[in-house]
Amino acid sequence: MAWEYSEKTKRLFLDAIHGKPGTHLGEIAQPDGVGEYGSIVCGDAMRFMFRCDRHPTDPTQDVIVEARYLTFGCTSAIASSEALCSILENGRYTPIKALEIRNSDIVEYLEGLPEQKIHCSVMGTEALQAAVFDWARRRGVDLRTLGLDVHPEEEHGRVVCKCFSLTEPYLKRKIRELNLRTIPEIINALKAGGACMSCHYAPGGLQDLLDEVWGVRQLRVVASAGESAALATEVQRAVAEERPHGSLLDQAEWAASGISAYQFGKKVEKAIDDYIRPMLAQDGGDLEIVDIKGNLVYCRLSGACAGCRGAAQTLKLMIERTLKEMVDERVRVIQV
């Protein structure tokens, strides 16, 4: 599936890679601040730098007049980098004021980004923040006295996502800042959990962090008119206890859950089309829905995933877990 980029995003990307005048791909000879974020090993990396008009007596009044970047990444990564530089240069920000720029400002400047590419805008703001911290060090500005948190503990915190070397303090901060409520939202915004996926539900993993930040999720089942409270309680207990793989909910249980079988099927299809299929496509694979019966989703892997020795793990750890998170906790995926 091709990513749906805005015309502005595509134009900024093409202008940058062709070196069109006014673009920002490159380096500054003597920058006042340099920041890096990401890793080429992980797929996206950015080195960001800026130069200031220095205030003669008060460094906090320095003004950013030039910004440049070196970015290894996709269309949205390059375009997000361009957007950040333009925002800074056009807005005549002080470095301290620049810390108020959020990834949502970059997304708005680009007139939108695909959900799966939001992490590119986050990469820009994180590299900017690192560059501002570097500027403060060079100019002797104590950010703490200004009430700014420099997050020094994040470099040494417990690593939660080993694929991308993302720590617990960092993930908790970004979960709060970006109001991330689900694992797919974390993957889209931060890439954490987007590779091997082993940190999704591991002890101390992404779901545990979400529960810690927002409170343990409460499963809610509302009985429809004419259904007894006892039936609703029974359904909730069954969901919480994780029914055995392959168990089929009956019509009464569906009625008590507040979602019809048709609505359930449409949500499954949308989650697979919008999220799961693009993830599989990165490795040359695909997924076919063979049938949906109640809460059972019968699937067939195709492409490069069809003969993979890890197919069973892909179905259980990625596809089923994702559908549980995005659709309903009662989803069961069965390979056919």
Protein backbone atom coordinates (compact mmCIF):
# COMPACT_ATOMS: atom_id res chain seq x y z
CA MET A 1 0.00 0.00 0.00
CA ALA A 2 1.41 3.40 -1.02
CA TRP A 3 1.54 6.08 1.65
CA GLU A 4 -0.90 8.94 1.08
CA TYR A 5 1.29 12.04 1.36
CA SER A 6 0.03 15.60 0.96
CA GLU A 7 1.15 17.52 -2.11
CA LYS A 8 3.18 19.81 0.15
CA THR A 9 5.01 16.86 1.73
CA LYS A 10 5.90 15.46 -1.70
CA ARG A 11 7.04 18.85 -2.95
CA LEU A 12 9.28 19.52 0.06
CA PHE A 13 10.84 16.07 -0.29
CA LEU A 14 11.56 16.43 -4.01
CA ASP A 15 12.88 19.98 -3.65
CA ALA A 16 15.25 18.85 -0.88
CA ILE A 17 16.73 15.83 -2.65
CA HIS A 18 17.23 17.89 -5.83
CA GLY A 19 18.99 20.62 -3.88
CA LYS A 20 16.57 23.36 -4.89
CA PRO A 21 17.54 26.84 -3.59
CA GLY A 22 15.87 27.61 -0.29
CA THR A 23 15.96 24.01 0.97
CA HIS A 24 17.93 22.98 4.03
CA LEU A 25 19.63 19.64 3.39
CA GLY A 26 23.28 20.11 4.38
CA GLU A 27 25.49 21.32 7.21
CA ILE A 28 26.46 24.59 8.89
CA ALA A 29 30.20 25.24 9.14
CA GLN A 30 30.16 26.63 12.68
CA PRO A 31 26.79 25.83 14.25
CA ASP A 32 25.66 27.14 17.62
CA GLY A 33 23.75 23.96 18.38
CA VAL A 34 23.87 20.38 17.08
CA GLY A 35 21.51 17.54 17.96
CA GLU A 36 21.09 13.97 16.81
CA TYR A 37 18.26 11.49 17.08
CA GLY A 38 17.64 7.97 15.83
CA SER A 39 20.02 5.45 14.33
CA ILE A 40 20.75 4.34 10.78
CA VAL A 41 20.57 0.77 12.10
CA CYS A 42 16.96 1.47 13.10
CA GLY A 43 16.03 2.95 9.71
CA ASP A 44 15.76 6.68 10.53
CA ALA A 45 18.44 9.07 11.78
CA MET A 46 18.74 12.85 11.87
CA ARG A 47 21.55 15.27 12.57
CA PHE A 48 20.14 18.76 13.06
CA MET A 49 22.01 22.04 13.55
CA PHE A 50 21.30 25.75 13.77
CA ARG A 51 23.11 29.09 13.80
CA CYS A 52 22.05 32.13 15.82
CA ASP A 53 22.35 35.86 15.72
CA ARG A 54 23.98 36.16 19.12
CA HIS A 55 22.73 38.74 21.59
CA PRO A 56 25.69 40.78 22.93
CA THR A 57 24.79 40.41 26.62
CA ASP A 58 21.95 37.92 27.08
CA PRO A 59 22.35 34.53 25.36
CA THR A 60 18.71 33.66 26.10
CA GLN A 61 17.84 36.32 23.50
CA ASP A 62 19.85 34.66 20.72
CA VAL A 63 17.73 34.21 17.58
CA ILE A 64 17.92 31.19 15.27
CA VAL A 65 18.53 32.48 11.74
CA GLU A 66 19.73 29.36 9.91
CA ALA A 67 18.88 25.67 10.27
CA ARG A 68 20.19 22.62 8.41
CA TYR A 69 19.91 18.85 8.65
CA LEU A 70 21.33 15.56 7.45
CA THR A 71 18.57 12.97 7.53
CA PHE A 72 18.66 9.29 6.64
CA GLY A 73 15.10 8.17 6.09
CA CYS A 74 11.99 8.14 3.96
CA THR A 75 9.92 10.82 2.25
CA SER A 76 8.22 11.89 5.46
CA ALA A 77 11.54 12.04 7.36
CA ILE A 78 13.08 14.40 4.79
CA ALA A 79 9.92 16.50 4.50
CA SER A 80 9.59 16.74 8.30
CA SER A 81 13.18 17.94 8.51
CA GLU A 82 12.50 20.58 5.87
CA ALA A 83 9.35 21.67 7.70
CA LEU A 84 11.21 22.07 10.99
CA CYS A 85 13.91 24.25 9.41
CA SER A 86 11.32 26.44 7.70
CA ILE A 87 9.29 26.87 10.88
CA LEU A 88 12.39 27.96 12.79
CA GLU A 89 13.76 30.35 10.17
CA ASN A 90 10.41 31.94 9.38
CA GLY A 91 9.45 32.31 13.04
CA ARG A 92 12.74 33.85 14.27
CA TYR A 93 12.68 31.67 17.37
CA THR A 94 15.07 31.94 20.28
CA PRO A 95 16.49 28.49 21.12
CA ILE A 96 14.46 28.43 24.33
CA LYS A 97 11.25 29.38 22.53
CA ALA A 98 12.02 26.67 19.95
CA LEU A 99 11.53 24.05 22.66
CA GLU A 100 7.80 24.82 22.45
CA ILE A 101 7.63 23.44 18.90
CA ARG A 102 5.73 20.16 18.90
CA ASN A 103 5.59 17.38 16.37
CA SER A 104 1.98 18.40 15.69
CA ASP A 105 3.29 21.74 14.39
CA ILE A 106 5.42 19.86 11.85
CA VAL A 107 2.48 17.65 10.83
CA GLU A 108 0.29 20.73 10.40
CA TYR A 109 2.97 22.45 8.30
CA LEU A 110 3.09 19.39 6.05
CA GLU A 111 -0.72 19.39 5.78
CA GLY A 112 -0.82 15.95 7.36
CA LEU A 113 1.20 12.74 7.57
CA PRO A 114 0.11 9.09 7.44
CA GLU A 115 -0.43 7.75 10.96
CA GLN A 116 2.36 5.22 10.46
CA LYS A 117 4.79 8.07 9.69
CA ILE A 118 4.09 10.35 12.67
CA HIS A 119 7.39 9.18 14.22
CA CYS A 120 9.23 11.21 11.56
CA SER A 121 7.83 14.44 12.98
CA VAL A 122 8.75 13.30 16.49
CA MET A 123 12.30 12.65 15.29
CA GLY A 124 12.56 16.30 14.24
CA THR A 125 11.44 17.73 17.57
CA GLU A 126 13.73 15.38 19.50
CA ALA A 127 16.75 16.38 17.38
CA LEU A 128 15.81 20.04 17.85
CA GLN A 129 15.64 19.57 21.60
CA ALA A 130 19.08 17.94 21.64
CA ALA A 131 20.45 20.85 19.58
CA VAL A 132 19.01 23.39 22.02
CA PHE A 133 20.62 21.53 24.94
CA ASP A 134 23.93 21.68 23.04
CA TRP A 135 23.47 25.42 22.44
CA ALA A 136 22.79 25.96 26.14
CA ARG A 137 25.99 24.12 27.06
CA ARG A 138 28.06 26.19 24.64
CA ARG A 139 26.51 29.49 25.72
CA GLY A 140 26.56 28.78 29.45
CA VAL A 141 22.78 28.83 29.87
CA ASP A 142 21.45 26.78 32.78
CA LEU A 143 18.12 25.48 31.50
CA ARG A 144 17.13 24.16 34.90
CA THR A 145 17.11 27.67 36.38
CA LEU A 146 14.61 28.55 33.66
CA GLY A 147 12.38 25.70 34.74
CA LEU A 148 13.21 23.50 31.74
CA ASP A 149 13.61 19.74 32.13
CA VAL A 150 16.62 18.41 30.22
CA HIS A 151 15.74 14.73 30.80
CA PRO A 152 19.27 13.58 31.67
CA GLU A 153 18.05 10.33 33.18
CA GLU A 154 16.63 9.09 29.89
CA GLU A 155 20.02 8.06 28.53
CA HIS A 156 20.62 5.71 31.45
CA GLY A 157 17.12 4.36 32.08
CA ARG A 158 16.03 0.77 31.61
CA VAL A 159 15.85 -0.13 27.92
CA VAL A 160 12.32 -1.25 27.04
CA CYS A 161 12.54 -1.44 23.25
CA LYS A 162 15.88 -3.09 22.51
CA CYS A 163 15.48 -2.84 18.73
CA PHE A 164 15.48 0.96 18.90
CA SER A 165 17.27 1.39 22.26
CA LEU A 166 14.41 3.38 23.79
CA THR A 167 14.36 3.68 27.56
CA GLU A 168 11.54 3.60 30.08
CA PRO A 169 11.88 7.29 31.15
CA TYR A 170 11.86 8.44 27.53
CA LEU A 171 8.85 6.32 26.59
CA LYS A 172 6.87 7.46 29.63
CA ARG A 173 7.58 11.10 28.82
CA LYS A 174 6.53 10.74 25.20
CA ILE A 175 3.43 8.73 26.12
CA ARG A 176 2.32 11.67 28.28
CA GLU A 177 3.44 14.42 25.87
CA LEU A 178 1.81 12.86 22.82
CA ASN A 179 -1.19 11.39 24.67
CA LEU A 180 -0.45 7.91 23.37
CA ARG A 181 -3.06 5.43 24.56
CA THR A 182 -2.38 2.20 22.65
CA ILE A 183 0.59 0.19 21.43
CA PRO A 184 -0.15 0.98 17.75
CA GLU A 185 -0.09 4.69 18.64
CA ILE A 186 3.32 4.23 20.31
CA ILE A 187 4.66 2.43 17.23
CA ASN A 188 3.38 5.15 14.88
CA ALA A 189 4.75 8.01 16.98
CA LEU A 190 8.00 6.56 18.34
CA LYS A 191 8.69 3.31 16.40
CA ALA A 192 9.07 1.56 19.76
CA GLY A 193 7.80 -1.99 19.40
CA GLY A 194 7.69 -1.76 15.62
CA ALA A 195 10.40 -4.32 14.87
CA CYS A 196 10.51 -7.63 16.76
CA MET A 197 7.44 -6.69 18.86
CA SER A 198 8.71 -8.66 21.86
CA CYS A 199 8.32 -5.61 24.12
CA HIS A 200 4.59 -5.21 23.49
CA TYR A 201 3.30 -7.37 26.33
CA ALA A 202 6.50 -8.42 28.09
CA PRO A 203 6.77 -7.60 31.82
CA GLY A 204 7.72 -3.94 32.00
CA GLY A 205 6.94 -3.60 28.29
CA LEU A 206 4.83 -1.12 26.37
CA GLN A 207 1.45 -2.22 27.70
CA ASP A 208 2.75 -2.08 31.27
CA LEU A 209 4.03 1.46 30.65
CA LEU A 210 0.64 2.50 29.26
CA ASP A 211 -1.08 1.00 32.29
CA GLU A 212 1.33 2.78 34.63
CA VAL A 213 0.94 6.17 32.95
CA TRP A 214 -2.82 6.10 32.38
CA GLY A 215 -3.97 3.52 34.92
CA VAL A 216 -4.75 -0.16 34.38
CA ARG A 217 -7.31 -0.63 31.64
CA GLN A 218 -10.80 -1.49 32.84
CA LEU A 219 -12.82 -3.86 30.66
CA ARG A 220 -16.38 -2.56 30.36
CA VAL A 221 -19.37 -4.61 29.22
CA VAL A 222 -22.79 -2.96 29.12
CA ALA A 223 -25.86 -5.15 29.03
CA SER A 224 -28.36 -4.22 26.32
CA ALA A 225 -32.04 -3.77 27.03
CA GLY A 226 -33.57 -6.98 28.30
CA GLU A 227 -30.19 -8.61 29.11
CA SER A 228 -29.55 -9.42 32.71
CA ALA A 229 -26.67 -7.93 34.70
CA ALA A 230 -25.63 -11.50 35.52
CA LEU A 231 -25.01 -12.22 31.83
CA ALA A 232 -22.95 -9.06 31.41
CA THR A 233 -20.88 -10.00 34.43
CA GLU A 234 -20.25 -13.46 33.01
CA VAL A 235 -19.08 -12.02 29.68
CA GLN A 236 -16.75 -9.59 31.42
CA ARG A 237 -15.28 -12.40 33.52
CA ALA A 238 -14.70 -14.53 30.42
CA VAL A 239 -12.94 -11.69 28.62
CA ALA A 240 -10.72 -10.86 31.59
CA GLU A 241 -9.69 -14.51 32.00
CA GLU A 242 -8.66 -14.84 28.33
CA ARG A 243 -10.75 -17.61 26.81
CA PRO A 244 -8.87 -20.55 25.28
CA HIS A 245 -7.65 -20.07 21.71
CA GLY A 246 -10.44 -20.81 19.27
CA SER A 247 -13.44 -20.42 21.59
CA LEU A 248 -16.47 -18.89 19.85
CA LEU A 249 -18.72 -16.36 21.56
CA ASP A 250 -22.43 -17.04 21.25
CA GLN A 251 -25.12 -14.54 20.22
CA ALA A 252 -26.08 -13.68 23.78
CA GLU A 253 -22.53 -12.75 24.60
CA TRP A 254 -22.31 -10.55 21.52
CA ALA A 255 -25.56 -8.86 22.51
CA ALA A 256 -24.19 -8.13 25.97
CA SER A 257 -20.95 -6.69 24.64
CA GLY A 258 -22.42 -3.66 22.87
CA ILE A 259 -20.95 -4.47 19.40
CA SER A 260 -22.59 -6.45 16.61
CA ALA A 261 -20.84 -9.20 14.69
CA TYR A 262 -21.04 -7.01 11.56
CA GLN A 263 -19.38 -4.06 13.33
CA PHE A 264 -16.73 -6.40 14.67
CA GLY A 265 -15.94 -7.69 11.19
CA LYS A 266 -15.67 -4.20 9.70
CA LYS A 267 -13.28 -3.12 12.46
CA VAL A 268 -11.11 -6.17 11.85
CA GLU A 269 -10.94 -5.43 8.13
CA LYS A 270 -10.05 -1.78 8.72
CA ALA A 271 -7.30 -2.61 11.25
CA ILE A 272 -5.78 -5.13 8.86
CA ASP A 273 -5.95 -2.79 5.84
CA ASP A 274 -4.74 0.34 7.65
CA TYR A 275 -2.13 -1.10 9.98
CA ILE A 276 -1.30 -4.81 9.78
CA ARG A 277 -1.03 -5.18 6.00
CA PRO A 278 1.43 -2.24 5.64
CA MET A 279 3.57 -3.73 8.43
CA LEU A 280 3.71 -7.11 6.65
CA ALA A 281 4.41 -5.41 3.33
CA GLN A 282 7.68 -4.07 4.71
CA ASP A 283 8.97 -7.65 4.61
CA GLY A 284 7.27 -8.55 1.34
CA GLY A 285 4.33 -10.29 2.98
CA ASP A 286 0.56 -9.94 3.02
CA LEU A 287 -2.50 -11.27 4.81
CA GLU A 288 -5.78 -12.66 3.47
CA ILE A 289 -8.94 -12.80 5.58
CA VAL A 290 -10.52 -16.16 4.77
CA ASP A 291 -13.50 -15.89 7.10
CA ILE A 292 -14.76 -14.23 10.27
CA LYS A 293 -17.03 -16.22 12.55
CA GLY A 294 -17.95 -14.44 15.76
CA ASN A 295 -14.70 -13.45 17.42
CA LEU A 296 -12.65 -15.90 15.33
CA VAL A 297 -10.66 -14.43 12.45
CA TYR A 298 -9.43 -17.04 9.97
CA CYS A 299 -6.34 -15.75 8.12
CA ARG A 300 -3.85 -16.91 5.55
CA LEU A 301 -0.39 -15.38 5.27
CA SER A 302 0.91 -14.84 1.75
CA GLY A 303 3.96 -13.48 -0.04
CA ALA A 304 7.25 -13.72 1.84
CA CYS A 305 5.40 -14.45 5.09
CA ALA A 306 3.71 -17.60 3.78
CA GLY A 307 6.72 -19.88 4.12
CA CYS A 308 8.37 -18.10 7.03
CA ARG A 309 9.33 -20.26 9.99
CA GLY A 310 8.11 -17.49 12.26
CA ALA A 311 4.62 -17.41 10.70
CA ALA A 312 2.93 -18.74 13.83
CA GLN A 313 4.61 -16.10 15.97
CA THR A 314 3.65 -13.39 13.49
CA LEU A 315 0.02 -14.43 13.71
CA LYS A 316 -0.02 -14.60 17.49
CA LEU A 317 2.35 -11.83 18.56
CA MET A 318 1.72 -9.26 15.85
CA ILE A 319 -1.60 -9.86 14.12
CA GLU A 320 -3.71 -11.18 16.99
CA ARG A 321 -2.23 -8.80 19.56
CA THR A 322 -2.76 -5.84 17.25
CA LEU A 323 -6.37 -6.79 16.61
CA LYS A 324 -6.90 -7.21 20.33
CA GLU A 325 -5.57 -3.72 20.91
CA MET A 326 -7.34 -1.99 18.02
CA VAL A 327 -10.58 -3.95 17.77
CA ASP A 328 -11.56 -6.12 20.72
CA GLU A 329 -9.84 -8.11 23.45
CA ARG A 330 -11.78 -11.22 22.45
CA VAL A 331 -10.24 -11.55 18.98
CA ARG A 332 -8.72 -14.93 18.18
CA VAL A 333 -6.69 -15.39 15.00
CA ILE A 334 -6.63 -18.84 13.44
CA GLN A 335 -4.24 -19.76 10.60
CA VAL A 336 -5.69 -21.65 7.65
